[in-house]
Amino acid sequence: MADATPSEREEGGAWVAEWDGDIRGHGVWILIMGARNHPGGVRVMLDDFTFDEVHTEHVGELVRRVFTGDARVTAKRAFLAERLVLQVQAGSTAYSASTEGDSADDLSAWGRLLAAP
């Protein structure tokens, strides 16, 4: 794995930690955003998937579960568009994030591994 230290910066009343590198042979981009006035929850972006309102104490478990295969991607119809939904349990909370697409072929290599048959 490449350097595990994220780049960090402040933007107004918010902070951002960003990292990209290799996890289990797959290129990954991770961005975590938080706000000073809302310290209990953050936004976690894993490539094209964005999780809003992740409890800060669940961030590490959420990322670990995704990249150890303990999460699933399913195709779902939302309004008139097809979406690919990444679902993962962290602590007692079920989190989900979606991206446009109707096939696992639309995902990054690590996302395709999580696609439900």
PDB file of N, CA and C in Angstrom:
ATOM      1  N   MET A   1       0.845  -1.168   0.000  1.00  0.00           N
ATOM      2  CA  MET A   1       0.000   0.000   0.000  1.00  0.00           C
ATOM      3  C   MET A   1       0.890   1.231   0.000  1.00  0.00           C
ATOM      4  N   ALA A   2       0.463   2.266  -0.652  1.00  0.00           N
ATOM      5  CA  ALA A   2       1.193   3.525  -0.697  1.00  0.00           C
ATOM      6  C   ALA A   2       1.114   4.197   0.673  1.00  0.00           C
ATOM      7  N   ASP A   3       1.692   5.379   0.785  1.00  0.00           N
ATOM      8  CA  ASP A   3       1.651   6.146   2.021  1.00  0.00           C
ATOM      9  C   ASP A   3       0.213   6.253   2.509  1.00  0.00           C
ATOM     10  N   ALA A   4      -0.024   5.840   3.745  1.00  0.00           N
ATOM     11  CA  ALA A   4      -1.378   5.832   4.292  1.00  0.00           C
ATOM     12  C   ALA A   4      -1.771   7.177   4.891  1.00  0.00           C
ATOM     13  N   THR A   5      -0.922   8.167   4.817  1.00  0.00           N
ATOM     14  CA  THR A   5      -1.213   9.469   5.393  1.00  0.00           C
ATOM     15  C   THR A   5      -2.018  10.307   4.409  1.00  0.00           C
ATOM     16  N   PRO A   6      -3.226  10.738   4.810  1.00  0.00           N
ATOM     17  CA  PRO A   6      -4.015  11.572   3.898  1.00  0.00           C
ATOM     18  C   PRO A   6      -3.489  12.998   3.870  1.00  0.00           C
ATOM     19  N   SER A   7      -3.765  13.693   2.773  1.00  0.00           N
ATOM     20  CA  SER A   7      -3.496  15.128   2.757  1.00  0.00           C
ATOM     21  C   SER A   7      -4.675  15.785   3.458  1.00  0.00           C
ATOM     22  N   GLU A   8      -4.394  16.797   4.240  1.00  0.00           N
ATOM     23  CA  GLU A   8      -5.451  17.456   5.011  1.00  0.00           C
ATOM     24  C   GLU A   8      -5.431  18.945   4.725  1.00  0.00           C
ATOM     25  N   ARG A   9      -6.631  19.543   4.748  1.00  0.00           N
ATOM     26  CA  ARG A   9      -6.715  20.985   4.538  1.00  0.00           C
ATOM     27  C   ARG A   9      -8.005  21.497   5.172  1.00  0.00           C
ATOM     28  N   GLU A  10      -8.033  22.781   5.415  1.00  0.00           N
ATOM     29  CA  GLU A  10      -9.239  23.435   5.919  1.00  0.00           C
ATOM     30  C   GLU A  10      -9.807  24.302   4.830  1.00  0.00           C
ATOM     31  N   GLU A  11     -11.135  24.320   4.748  1.00  0.00           N
ATOM     32  CA  GLU A  11     -11.834  25.139   3.764  1.00  0.00           C
ATOM     33  C   GLU A  11     -12.986  25.830   4.470  1.00  0.00           C
ATOM     34  N   GLY A  12     -12.801  27.079   4.824  1.00  0.00           N
ATOM     35  CA  GLY A  12     -13.832  27.801   5.556  1.00  0.00           C
ATOM     36  C   GLY A  12     -14.023  27.170   6.918  1.00  0.00           C
ATOM     37  N   GLY A  13     -15.248  26.811   7.255  1.00  0.00           N
ATOM     38  CA  GLY A  13     -15.551  26.169   8.527  1.00  0.00           C
ATOM     39  C   GLY A  13     -15.508  24.663   8.446  1.00  0.00           C
ATOM     40  N   ALA A  14     -14.911  24.127   7.388  1.00  0.00           N
ATOM     41  CA  ALA A  14     -14.870  22.686   7.191  1.00  0.00           C
ATOM     42  C   ALA A  14     -13.426  22.200   7.081  1.00  0.00           C
ATOM     43  N   TRP A  15     -13.245  20.911   7.247  1.00  0.00           N
ATOM     44  CA  TRP A  15     -11.940  20.285   7.041  1.00  0.00           C
ATOM     45  C   TRP A  15     -12.108  19.134   6.051  1.00  0.00           C
ATOM     46  N   VAL A  16     -11.032  18.831   5.356  1.00  0.00           N
ATOM     47  CA  VAL A  16     -11.037  17.785   4.342  1.00  0.00           C
ATOM     48  C   VAL A  16      -9.779  16.936   4.512  1.00  0.00           C
ATOM     49  N   ALA A  17      -9.954  15.629   4.484  1.00  0.00           N
ATOM     50  CA  ALA A  17      -8.821  14.700   4.457  1.00  0.00           C
ATOM     51  C   ALA A  17      -8.990  13.865   3.195  1.00  0.00           C
ATOM     52  N   GLU A  18      -7.939  13.782   2.385  1.00  0.00           N
ATOM     53  CA  GLU A  18      -8.028  13.108   1.092  1.00  0.00           C
ATOM     54  C   GLU A  18      -6.857  12.155   0.926  1.00  0.00           C
ATOM     55  N   TRP A  19      -7.128  11.008   0.326  1.00  0.00           N
ATOM     56  CA  TRP A  19      -6.087  10.006   0.085  1.00  0.00           C
ATOM     57  C   TRP A  19      -6.407   9.267  -1.195  1.00  0.00           C
ATOM     58  N   ASP A  20      -5.391   8.950  -1.964  1.00  0.00           N
ATOM     59  CA  ASP A  20      -5.582   8.037  -3.080  1.00  0.00           C
ATOM     60  C   ASP A  20      -4.366   7.134  -3.149  1.00  0.00           C
ATOM     61  N   GLY A  21      -4.634   5.899  -3.499  1.00  0.00           N
ATOM     62  CA  GLY A  21      -3.574   4.915  -3.556  1.00  0.00           C
ATOM     63  C   GLY A  21      -4.124   3.551  -3.900  1.00  0.00           C
ATOM     64  N   ASP A  22      -3.407   2.548  -3.490  1.00  0.00           N
ATOM     65  CA  ASP A  22      -3.728   1.172  -3.832  1.00  0.00           C
ATOM     66  C   ASP A  22      -4.206   0.421  -2.595  1.00  0.00           C
ATOM     67  N   ILE A  23      -5.355  -0.220  -2.710  1.00  0.00           N
ATOM     68  CA  ILE A  23      -5.856  -1.110  -1.664  1.00  0.00           C
ATOM     69  C   ILE A  23      -6.152  -2.442  -2.326  1.00  0.00           C
ATOM     70  N   ARG A  24      -5.438  -3.477  -1.888  1.00  0.00           N
ATOM     71  CA  ARG A  24      -5.613  -4.826  -2.422  1.00  0.00           C
ATOM     72  C   ARG A  24      -5.541  -4.883  -3.947  1.00  0.00           C
ATOM     73  N   GLY A  25      -4.631  -4.108  -4.513  1.00  0.00           N
ATOM     74  CA  GLY A  25      -4.411  -4.136  -5.953  1.00  0.00           C
ATOM     75  C   GLY A  25      -5.343  -3.259  -6.765  1.00  0.00           C
ATOM     76  N   HIS A  26      -6.154  -2.436  -6.103  1.00  0.00           N
ATOM     77  CA  HIS A  26      -7.106  -1.575  -6.802  1.00  0.00           C
ATOM     78  C   HIS A  26      -6.833  -0.119  -6.450  1.00  0.00           C
ATOM     79  N   GLY A  27      -6.854   0.741  -7.459  1.00  0.00           N
ATOM     80  CA  GLY A  27      -6.719   2.167  -7.227  1.00  0.00           C
ATOM     81  C   GLY A  27      -7.972   2.700  -6.553  1.00  0.00           C
ATOM     82  N   VAL A  28      -7.784   3.488  -5.493  1.00  0.00           N
ATOM     83  CA  VAL A  28      -8.906   3.993  -4.695  1.00  0.00           C
ATOM     84  C   VAL A  28      -8.664   5.462  -4.369  1.00  0.00           C
ATOM     85  N   TRP A  29      -9.739   6.242  -4.369  1.00  0.00           N
ATOM     86  CA  TRP A  29      -9.715   7.629  -3.920  1.00  0.00           C
ATOM     87  C   TRP A  29     -10.681   7.750  -2.757  1.00  0.00           C
ATOM     88  N   ILE A  30     -10.212   8.279  -1.627  1.00  0.00           N
ATOM     89  CA  ILE A  30     -11.039   8.451  -0.428  1.00  0.00           C
ATOM     90  C   ILE A  30     -10.966   9.919  -0.017  1.00  0.00           C
ATOM     91  N   LEU A  31     -12.130  10.509   0.248  1.00  0.00           N
ATOM     92  CA  LEU A  31     -12.203  11.876   0.731  1.00  0.00           C
ATOM     93  C   LEU A  31     -13.167  11.898   1.906  1.00  0.00           C
ATOM     94  N   ILE A  32     -12.747  12.516   2.993  1.00  0.00           N
ATOM     95  CA  ILE A  32     -13.598  12.651   4.180  1.00  0.00           C
ATOM     96  C   ILE A  32     -13.708  14.133   4.476  1.00  0.00           C
ATOM     97  N   MET A  33     -14.952  14.607   4.628  1.00  0.00           N
ATOM     98  CA  MET A  33     -15.207  16.026   4.875  1.00  0.00           C
ATOM     99  C   MET A  33     -16.008  16.173   6.157  1.00  0.00           C
ATOM    100  N   GLY A  34     -15.645  17.151   6.961  1.00  0.00           N
ATOM    101  CA  GLY A  34     -16.380  17.427   8.188  1.00  0.00           C
ATOM    102  C   GLY A  34     -16.523  18.918   8.386  1.00  0.00           C
ATOM    103  N   ALA A  35     -17.411  19.284   9.285  1.00  0.00           N
ATOM    104  CA  ALA A  35     -17.636  20.698   9.598  1.00  0.00           C
ATOM    105  C   ALA A  35     -17.420  20.917  11.093  1.00  0.00           C
ATOM    106  N   ARG A  36     -16.793  22.034  11.417  1.00  0.00           N
ATOM    107  CA  ARG A  36     -16.535  22.331  12.832  1.00  0.00           C
ATOM    108  C   ARG A  36     -17.819  22.389  13.651  1.00  0.00           C
ATOM    109  N   ASN A  37     -18.897  22.886  13.048  1.00  0.00           N
ATOM    110  CA  ASN A  37     -20.148  23.033  13.789  1.00  0.00           C
ATOM    111  C   ASN A  37     -20.983  21.742  13.796  1.00  0.00           C
ATOM    112  N   HIS A  38     -20.459  20.667  13.246  1.00  0.00           N
ATOM    113  CA  HIS A  38     -21.157  19.376  13.222  1.00  0.00           C
ATOM    114  C   HIS A  38     -20.130  18.249  13.407  1.00  0.00           C
ATOM    115  N   PRO A  39     -19.534  18.169  14.600  1.00  0.00           N
ATOM    116  CA  PRO A  39     -18.427  17.229  14.796  1.00  0.00           C
ATOM    117  C   PRO A  39     -18.827  15.757  14.856  1.00  0.00           C
ATOM    118  N   GLY A  40     -20.100  15.439  14.986  1.00  0.00           N
ATOM    119  CA  GLY A  40     -20.518  14.048  15.131  1.00  0.00           C
ATOM    120  C   GLY A  40     -20.676  13.273  13.847  1.00  0.00           C
ATOM    121  N   GLY A  41     -20.671  13.955  12.689  1.00  0.00           N
ATOM    122  CA  GLY A  41     -20.882  13.264  11.425  1.00  0.00           C
ATOM    123  C   GLY A  41     -20.030  13.854  10.319  1.00  0.00           C
ATOM    124  N   VAL A  42     -19.697  13.015   9.355  1.00  0.00           N
ATOM    125  CA  VAL A  42     -18.870  13.450   8.234  1.00  0.00           C
ATOM    126  C   VAL A  42     -19.429  12.891   6.936  1.00  0.00           C
ATOM    127  N   ARG A  43     -18.915  13.401   5.828  1.00  0.00           N
ATOM    128  CA  ARG A  43     -19.212  12.869   4.499  1.00  0.00           C
ATOM    129  C   ARG A  43     -18.000  12.046   4.082  1.00  0.00           C
ATOM    130  N   VAL A  44     -18.260  10.834   3.599  1.00  0.00           N
ATOM    131  CA  VAL A  44     -17.186   9.949   3.147  1.00  0.00           C
ATOM    132  C   VAL A  44     -17.414   9.647   1.675  1.00  0.00           C
ATOM    133  N   MET A  45     -16.409   9.932   0.851  1.00  0.00           N
ATOM    134  CA  MET A  45     -16.486   9.646  -0.573  1.00  0.00           C
ATOM    135  C   MET A  45     -15.474   8.558  -0.900  1.00  0.00           C
ATOM    136  N   LEU A  46     -15.962   7.481  -1.520  1.00  0.00           N
ATOM    137  CA  LEU A  46     -15.119   6.385  -1.982  1.00  0.00           C
ATOM    138  C   LEU A  46     -15.301   6.312  -3.488  1.00  0.00           C
ATOM    139  N   ASP A  47     -14.361   6.832  -4.231  1.00  0.00           N
ATOM    140  CA  ASP A  47     -14.481   6.974  -5.676  1.00  0.00           C
ATOM    141  C   ASP A  47     -15.809   7.656  -6.005  1.00  0.00           C
ATOM    142  N   ASP A  48     -16.728   6.997  -6.702  1.00  0.00           N
ATOM    143  CA  ASP A  48     -17.982   7.645  -7.111  1.00  0.00           C
ATOM    144  C   ASP A  48     -19.105   7.552  -6.086  1.00  0.00           C
ATOM    145  N   PHE A  49     -18.883   6.875  -4.977  1.00  0.00           N
ATOM    146  CA  PHE A  49     -19.917   6.719  -3.955  1.00  0.00           C
ATOM    147  C   PHE A  49     -19.728   7.750  -2.848  1.00  0.00           C
ATOM    148  N   THR A  50     -20.819   8.431  -2.450  1.00  0.00           N
ATOM    149  CA  THR A  50     -20.763   9.423  -1.380  1.00  0.00           C
ATOM    150  C   THR A  50     -21.723   9.033  -0.265  1.00  0.00           C
ATOM    151  N   PHE A  51     -21.168   8.832   0.922  1.00  0.00           N
ATOM    152  CA  PHE A  51     -21.957   8.558   2.123  1.00  0.00           C
ATOM    153  C   PHE A  51     -22.091   9.863   2.889  1.00  0.00           C
ATOM    154  N   ASP A  52     -23.317  10.307   3.128  1.00  0.00           N
ATOM    155  CA  ASP A  52     -23.552  11.508   3.923  1.00  0.00           C
ATOM    156  C   ASP A  52     -23.868  11.104   5.357  1.00  0.00           C
ATOM    157  N   GLU A  53     -23.504  11.969   6.293  1.00  0.00           N
ATOM    158  CA  GLU A  53     -23.850  11.783   7.701  1.00  0.00           C
ATOM    159  C   GLU A  53     -23.364  10.461   8.295  1.00  0.00           C
ATOM    160  N   VAL A  54     -22.098  10.151   8.073  1.00  0.00           N
ATOM    161  CA  VAL A  54     -21.494   8.982   8.703  1.00  0.00           C
ATOM    162  C   VAL A  54     -21.039   9.402  10.101  1.00  0.00           C
ATOM    163  N   HIS A  55     -21.430   8.637  11.111  1.00  0.00           N
ATOM    164  CA  HIS A  55     -20.974   8.928  12.472  1.00  0.00           C
ATOM    165  C   HIS A  55     -19.447   8.833  12.486  1.00  0.00           C
ATOM    166  N   THR A  56     -18.800   9.810  13.092  1.00  0.00           N
ATOM    167  CA  THR A  56     -17.337   9.837  13.063  1.00  0.00           C
ATOM    168  C   THR A  56     -16.728   8.549  13.601  1.00  0.00           C
ATOM    169  N   GLU A  57     -17.359   7.945  14.589  1.00  0.00           N
ATOM    170  CA  GLU A  57     -16.811   6.717  15.159  1.00  0.00           C
ATOM    171  C   GLU A  57     -16.977   5.514  14.229  1.00  0.00           C
ATOM    172  N   HIS A  58     -17.751   5.650  13.154  1.00  0.00           N
ATOM    173  CA  HIS A  58     -17.961   4.555  12.199  1.00  0.00           C
ATOM    174  C   HIS A  58     -17.091   4.640  10.947  1.00  0.00           C
ATOM    175  N   VAL A  59     -16.371   5.736  10.757  1.00  0.00           N
ATOM    176  CA  VAL A  59     -15.633   5.948   9.505  1.00  0.00           C
ATOM    177  C   VAL A  59     -14.646   4.821   9.235  1.00  0.00           C
ATOM    178  N   GLY A  60     -13.810   4.502  10.182  1.00  0.00           N
ATOM    179  CA  GLY A  60     -12.810   3.456   9.985  1.00  0.00           C
ATOM    180  C   GLY A  60     -13.438   2.110   9.679  1.00  0.00           C
ATOM    181  N   GLU A  61     -14.482   1.759  10.417  1.00  0.00           N
ATOM    182  CA  GLU A  61     -15.159   0.477  10.185  1.00  0.00           C
ATOM    183  C   GLU A  61     -15.831   0.455   8.816  1.00  0.00           C
ATOM    184  N   LEU A  62     -16.470   1.551   8.421  1.00  0.00           N
ATOM    185  CA  LEU A  62     -17.124   1.616   7.120  1.00  0.00           C
ATOM    186  C   LEU A  62     -16.113   1.373   5.996  1.00  0.00           C
ATOM    187  N   VAL A  63     -15.001   2.081   6.026  1.00  0.00           N
ATOM    188  CA  VAL A  63     -13.994   1.933   4.979  1.00  0.00           C
ATOM    189  C   VAL A  63     -13.409   0.522   5.004  1.00  0.00           C
ATOM    190  N   ARG A  64     -13.101   0.017   6.174  1.00  0.00           N
ATOM    191  CA  ARG A  64     -12.542  -1.340   6.292  1.00  0.00           C
ATOM    192  C   ARG A  64     -13.507  -2.383   5.741  1.00  0.00           C
ATOM    193  N   ARG A  65     -14.784  -2.288   6.082  1.00  0.00           N
ATOM    194  CA  ARG A  65     -15.770  -3.272   5.614  1.00  0.00           C
ATOM    195  C   ARG A  65     -15.934  -3.227   4.095  1.00  0.00           C
ATOM    196  N   VAL A  66     -15.914  -2.051   3.521  1.00  0.00           N
ATOM    197  CA  VAL A  66     -16.023  -1.948   2.059  1.00  0.00           C
ATOM    198  C   VAL A  66     -14.854  -2.658   1.399  1.00  0.00           C
ATOM    199  N   PHE A  67     -13.655  -2.389   1.879  1.00  0.00           N
ATOM    200  CA  PHE A  67     -12.482  -2.913   1.183  1.00  0.00           C
ATOM    201  C   PHE A  67     -12.045  -4.308   1.629  1.00  0.00           C
ATOM    202  N   THR A  68     -12.778  -4.893   2.567  1.00  0.00           N
ATOM    203  CA  THR A  68     -12.544  -6.306   2.890  1.00  0.00           C
ATOM    204  C   THR A  68     -13.676  -7.163   2.327  1.00  0.00           C
ATOM    205  N   GLY A  69     -14.581  -6.535   1.587  1.00  0.00           N
ATOM    206  CA  GLY A  69     -15.642  -7.289   0.919  1.00  0.00           C
ATOM    207  C   GLY A  69     -16.898  -7.480   1.740  1.00  0.00           C
ATOM    208  N   ASP A  70     -16.999  -6.818   2.897  1.00  0.00           N
ATOM    209  CA  ASP A  70     -18.168  -6.964   3.754  1.00  0.00           C
ATOM    210  C   ASP A  70     -19.181  -5.849   3.462  1.00  0.00           C
ATOM    211  N   ALA A  71     -19.475  -5.650   2.186  1.00  0.00           N
ATOM    212  CA  ALA A  71     -20.442  -4.652   1.708  1.00  0.00           C
ATOM    213  C   ALA A  71     -20.978  -5.184   0.391  1.00  0.00           C
ATOM    214  N   ARG A  72     -22.080  -4.629  -0.074  1.00  0.00           N
ATOM    215  CA  ARG A  72     -22.680  -5.094  -1.328  1.00  0.00           C
ATOM    216  C   ARG A  72     -23.110  -3.928  -2.191  1.00  0.00           C
ATOM    217  N   VAL A  73     -22.982  -4.124  -3.497  1.00  0.00           N
ATOM    218  CA  VAL A  73     -23.482  -3.165  -4.478  1.00  0.00           C
ATOM    219  C   VAL A  73     -24.631  -3.844  -5.215  1.00  0.00           C
ATOM    220  N   THR A  74     -25.757  -3.159  -5.282  1.00  0.00           N
ATOM    221  CA  THR A  74     -26.913  -3.667  -6.016  1.00  0.00           C
ATOM    222  C   THR A  74     -27.411  -2.592  -6.970  1.00  0.00           C
ATOM    223  N   ALA A  75     -28.058  -3.017  -8.035  1.00  0.00           N
ATOM    224  CA  ALA A  75     -28.666  -2.076  -8.986  1.00  0.00           C
ATOM    225  C   ALA A  75     -30.100  -1.825  -8.544  1.00  0.00           C
ATOM    226  N   LYS A  76     -30.496  -0.562  -8.536  1.00  0.00           N
ATOM    227  CA  LYS A  76     -31.858  -0.190  -8.144  1.00  0.00           C
ATOM    228  C   LYS A  76     -32.340   0.927  -9.042  1.00  0.00           C
ATOM    229  N   ARG A  77     -33.632   0.983  -9.222  1.00  0.00           N
ATOM    230  CA  ARG A  77     -34.234   2.073  -9.986  1.00  0.00           C
ATOM    231  C   ARG A  77     -34.661   3.151  -8.998  1.00  0.00           C
ATOM    232  N   ALA A  78     -34.217   4.385  -9.254  1.00  0.00           N
ATOM    233  CA  ALA A  78     -34.596   5.540  -8.447  1.00  0.00           C
ATOM    234  C   ALA A  78     -35.223   6.558  -9.385  1.00  0.00           C
ATOM    235  N   PHE A  79     -36.501   6.794  -9.210  1.00  0.00           N
ATOM    236  CA  PHE A  79     -37.268   7.648 -10.106  1.00  0.00           C
ATOM    237  C   PHE A  79     -37.169   7.069 -11.514  1.00  0.00           C
ATOM    238  N   LEU A  80     -36.556   7.771 -12.435  1.00  0.00           N
ATOM    239  CA  LEU A  80     -36.466   7.274 -13.804  1.00  0.00           C
ATOM    240  C   LEU A  80     -35.073   6.774 -14.171  1.00  0.00           C
ATOM    241  N   ALA A  81     -34.159   6.807 -13.219  1.00  0.00           N
ATOM    242  CA  ALA A  81     -32.767   6.441 -13.515  1.00  0.00           C
ATOM    243  C   ALA A  81     -32.352   5.181 -12.767  1.00  0.00           C
ATOM    244  N   GLU A  82     -31.449   4.458 -13.361  1.00  0.00           N
ATOM    245  CA  GLU A  82     -30.849   3.309 -12.698  1.00  0.00           C
ATOM    246  C   GLU A  82     -29.700   3.800 -11.833  1.00  0.00           C
ATOM    247  N   ARG A  83     -29.576   3.242 -10.645  1.00  0.00           N
ATOM    248  CA  ARG A  83     -28.517   3.606  -9.711  1.00  0.00           C
ATOM    249  C   ARG A  83     -27.845   2.339  -9.216  1.00  0.00           C
ATOM    250  N   LEU A  84     -26.578   2.434  -8.921  1.00  0.00           N
ATOM    251  CA  LEU A  84     -25.840   1.371  -8.256  1.00  0.00           C
ATOM    252  C   LEU A  84     -25.666   1.802  -6.812  1.00  0.00           C
ATOM    253  N   VAL A  85     -26.112   0.965  -5.884  1.00  0.00           N
ATOM    254  CA  VAL A  85     -26.153   1.335  -4.470  1.00  0.00           C
ATOM    255  C   VAL A  85     -25.165   0.480  -3.692  1.00  0.00           C
ATOM    256  N   LEU A  86     -24.280   1.128  -2.971  1.00  0.00           N
ATOM    257  CA  LEU A  86     -23.320   0.467  -2.104  1.00  0.00           C
ATOM    258  C   LEU A  86     -23.879   0.508  -0.695  1.00  0.00           C
ATOM    259  N   GLN A  87     -24.055  -0.666  -0.096  1.00  0.00           N
ATOM    260  CA  GLN A  87     -24.616  -0.772   1.249  1.00  0.00           C
ATOM    261  C   GLN A  87     -23.601  -1.442   2.164  1.00  0.00           C
ATOM    262  N   VAL A  88     -23.447  -0.860   3.350  1.00  0.00           N
ATOM    263  CA  VAL A  88     -22.485  -1.384   4.322  1.00  0.00           C
ATOM    264  C   VAL A  88     -22.990  -1.083   5.732  1.00  0.00           C
ATOM    265  N   GLN A  89     -22.739  -1.998   6.641  1.00  0.00           N
ATOM    266  CA  GLN A  89     -23.103  -1.845   8.046  1.00  0.00           C
ATOM    267  C   GLN A  89     -21.858  -1.429   8.809  1.00  0.00           C
ATOM    268  N   ALA A  90     -21.972  -0.388   9.644  1.00  0.00           N
ATOM    269  CA  ALA A  90     -20.883   0.026  10.523  1.00  0.00           C
ATOM    270  C   ALA A  90     -21.501   0.335  11.880  1.00  0.00           C
ATOM    271  N   GLY A  91     -21.012  -0.307  12.908  1.00  0.00           N
ATOM    272  CA  GLY A  91     -21.662  -0.177  14.203  1.00  0.00           C
ATOM    273  C   GLY A  91     -23.069  -0.718  14.068  1.00  0.00           C
ATOM    274  N   SER A  92     -24.027  -0.020  14.616  1.00  0.00           N
ATOM    275  CA  SER A  92     -25.424  -0.451  14.506  1.00  0.00           C
ATOM    276  C   SER A  92     -26.158   0.270  13.375  1.00  0.00           C
ATOM    277  N   THR A  93     -25.424   0.973  12.527  1.00  0.00           N
ATOM    278  CA  THR A  93     -26.030   1.783  11.469  1.00  0.00           C
ATOM    279  C   THR A  93     -25.765   1.183  10.097  1.00  0.00           C
ATOM    280  N   ALA A  94     -26.810   1.127   9.281  1.00  0.00           N
ATOM    281  CA  ALA A  94     -26.678   0.704   7.883  1.00  0.00           C
ATOM    282  C   ALA A  94     -26.511   1.971   7.046  1.00  0.00           C
ATOM    283  N   TYR A  95     -25.455   2.008   6.266  1.00  0.00           N
ATOM    284  CA  TYR A  95     -25.175   3.155   5.407  1.00  0.00           C
ATOM    285  C   TYR A  95     -25.337   2.741   3.950  1.00  0.00           C
ATOM    286  N   SER A  96     -25.735   3.701   3.125  1.00  0.00           N
ATOM    287  CA  SER A  96     -25.804   3.429   1.693  1.00  0.00           C
ATOM    288  C   SER A  96     -25.413   4.690   0.925  1.00  0.00           C
ATOM    289  N   ALA A  97     -24.840   4.445  -0.234  1.00  0.00           N
ATOM    290  CA  ALA A  97     -24.440   5.515  -1.142  1.00  0.00           C
ATOM    291  C   ALA A  97     -24.704   5.012  -2.542  1.00  0.00           C
ATOM    292  N   SER A  98     -25.013   5.913  -3.466  1.00  0.00           N
ATOM    293  CA  SER A  98     -25.306   5.467  -4.822  1.00  0.00           C
ATOM    294  C   SER A  98     -24.556   6.293  -5.847  1.00  0.00           C
ATOM    295  N   THR A  99     -24.491   5.725  -7.035  1.00  0.00           N
ATOM    296  CA  THR A  99     -23.892   6.395  -8.172  1.00  0.00           C
ATOM    297  C   THR A  99     -24.690   6.005  -9.405  1.00  0.00           C
ATOM    298  N   GLU A 100     -24.603   6.791 -10.457  1.00  0.00           N
ATOM    299  CA  GLU A 100     -25.330   6.471 -11.684  1.00  0.00           C
ATOM    300  C   GLU A 100     -24.771   5.200 -12.314  1.00  0.00           C
ATOM    301  N   GLY A 101     -25.641   4.440 -12.918  1.00  0.00           N
ATOM    302  CA  GLY A 101     -25.225   3.235 -13.624  1.00  0.00           C
ATOM    303  C   GLY A 101     -26.245   2.135 -13.448  1.00  0.00           C
ATOM    304  N   ASP A 102     -26.196   1.171 -14.329  1.00  0.00           N
ATOM    305  CA  ASP A 102     -27.135   0.055 -14.222  1.00  0.00           C
ATOM    306  C   ASP A 102     -26.423  -1.286 -14.272  1.00  0.00           C
ATOM    307  N   SER A 103     -25.096  -1.253 -14.328  1.00  0.00           N
ATOM    308  CA  SER A 103     -24.337  -2.482 -14.430  1.00  0.00           C
ATOM    309  C   SER A 103     -23.044  -2.350 -13.634  1.00  0.00           C
ATOM    310  N   ALA A 104     -22.600  -3.450 -13.071  1.00  0.00           N
ATOM    311  CA  ALA A 104     -21.338  -3.446 -12.344  1.00  0.00           C
ATOM    312  C   ALA A 104     -20.184  -3.021 -13.248  1.00  0.00           C
ATOM    313  N   ASP A 105     -20.358  -3.156 -14.548  1.00  0.00           N
ATOM    314  CA  ASP A 105     -19.318  -2.731 -15.488  1.00  0.00           C
ATOM    315  C   ASP A 105     -19.057  -1.230 -15.399  1.00  0.00           C
ATOM    316  N   ASP A 106     -20.018  -0.479 -14.837  1.00  0.00           N
ATOM    317  CA  ASP A 106     -19.878   0.968 -14.695  1.00  0.00           C
ATOM    318  C   ASP A 106     -19.032   1.356 -13.480  1.00  0.00           C
ATOM    319  N   LEU A 107     -18.622   0.384 -12.676  1.00  0.00           N
ATOM    320  CA  LEU A 107     -17.918   0.648 -11.431  1.00  0.00           C
ATOM    321  C   LEU A 107     -16.407   0.495 -11.567  1.00  0.00           C
ATOM    322  N   SER A 108     -15.718   1.012 -10.571  1.00  0.00           N
ATOM    323  CA  SER A 108     -14.275   0.776 -10.472  1.00  0.00           C
ATOM    324  C   SER A 108     -14.067  -0.710 -10.169  1.00  0.00           C
ATOM    325  N   ALA A 109     -12.830  -1.165 -10.267  1.00  0.00           N
ATOM    326  CA  ALA A 109     -12.524  -2.591 -10.068  1.00  0.00           C
ATOM    327  C   ALA A 109     -12.960  -3.075  -8.691  1.00  0.00           C
ATOM    328  N   TRP A 110     -12.715  -2.308  -7.631  1.00  0.00           N
ATOM    329  CA  TRP A 110     -13.114  -2.759  -6.295  1.00  0.00           C
ATOM    330  C   TRP A 110     -14.633  -2.794  -6.158  1.00  0.00           C
ATOM    331  N   GLY A 111     -15.342  -1.879  -6.804  1.00  0.00           N
ATOM    332  CA  GLY A 111     -16.802  -1.868  -6.758  1.00  0.00           C
ATOM    333  C   GLY A 111     -17.405  -3.068  -7.455  1.00  0.00           C
ATOM    334  N   ARG A 112     -16.802  -3.485  -8.570  1.00  0.00           N
ATOM    335  CA  ARG A 112     -17.301  -4.656  -9.292  1.00  0.00           C
ATOM    336  C   ARG A 112     -17.222  -5.908  -8.427  1.00  0.00           C
ATOM    337  N   LEU A 113     -16.220  -5.987  -7.571  1.00  0.00           N
ATOM    338  CA  LEU A 113     -16.086  -7.162  -6.685  1.00  0.00           C
ATOM    339  C   LEU A 113     -17.223  -7.240  -5.667  1.00  0.00           C
ATOM    340  N   LEU A 114     -17.848  -6.115  -5.370  1.00  0.00           N
ATOM    341  CA  LEU A 114     -18.929  -6.078  -4.369  1.00  0.00           C
ATOM    342  C   LEU A 114     -20.307  -6.239  -4.989  1.00  0.00           C
ATOM    343  N   ALA A 115     -20.386  -6.283  -6.314  1.00  0.00           N
ATOM    344  CA  ALA A 115     -21.666  -6.342  -6.989  1.00  0.00           C
ATOM    345  C   ALA A 115     -22.371  -7.670  -6.701  1.00  0.00           C
ATOM    346  N   ALA A 116     -23.622  -7.554  -6.299  1.00  0.00           N
ATOM    347  CA  ALA A 116     -24.424  -8.736  -6.014  1.00  0.00           C
ATOM    348  C   ALA A 116     -24.715  -9.481  -7.312  1.00  0.00           C
ATOM    349  N   PRO A 117     -24.629 -10.809  -7.288  1.00  0.00           N
ATOM    350  CA  PRO A 117     -24.905 -11.590  -8.519  1.00  0.00           C
ATOM    351  C   PRO A 117     -26.354 -11.499  -8.940  1.00  0.00           C
TER     352      PRO A 117
END
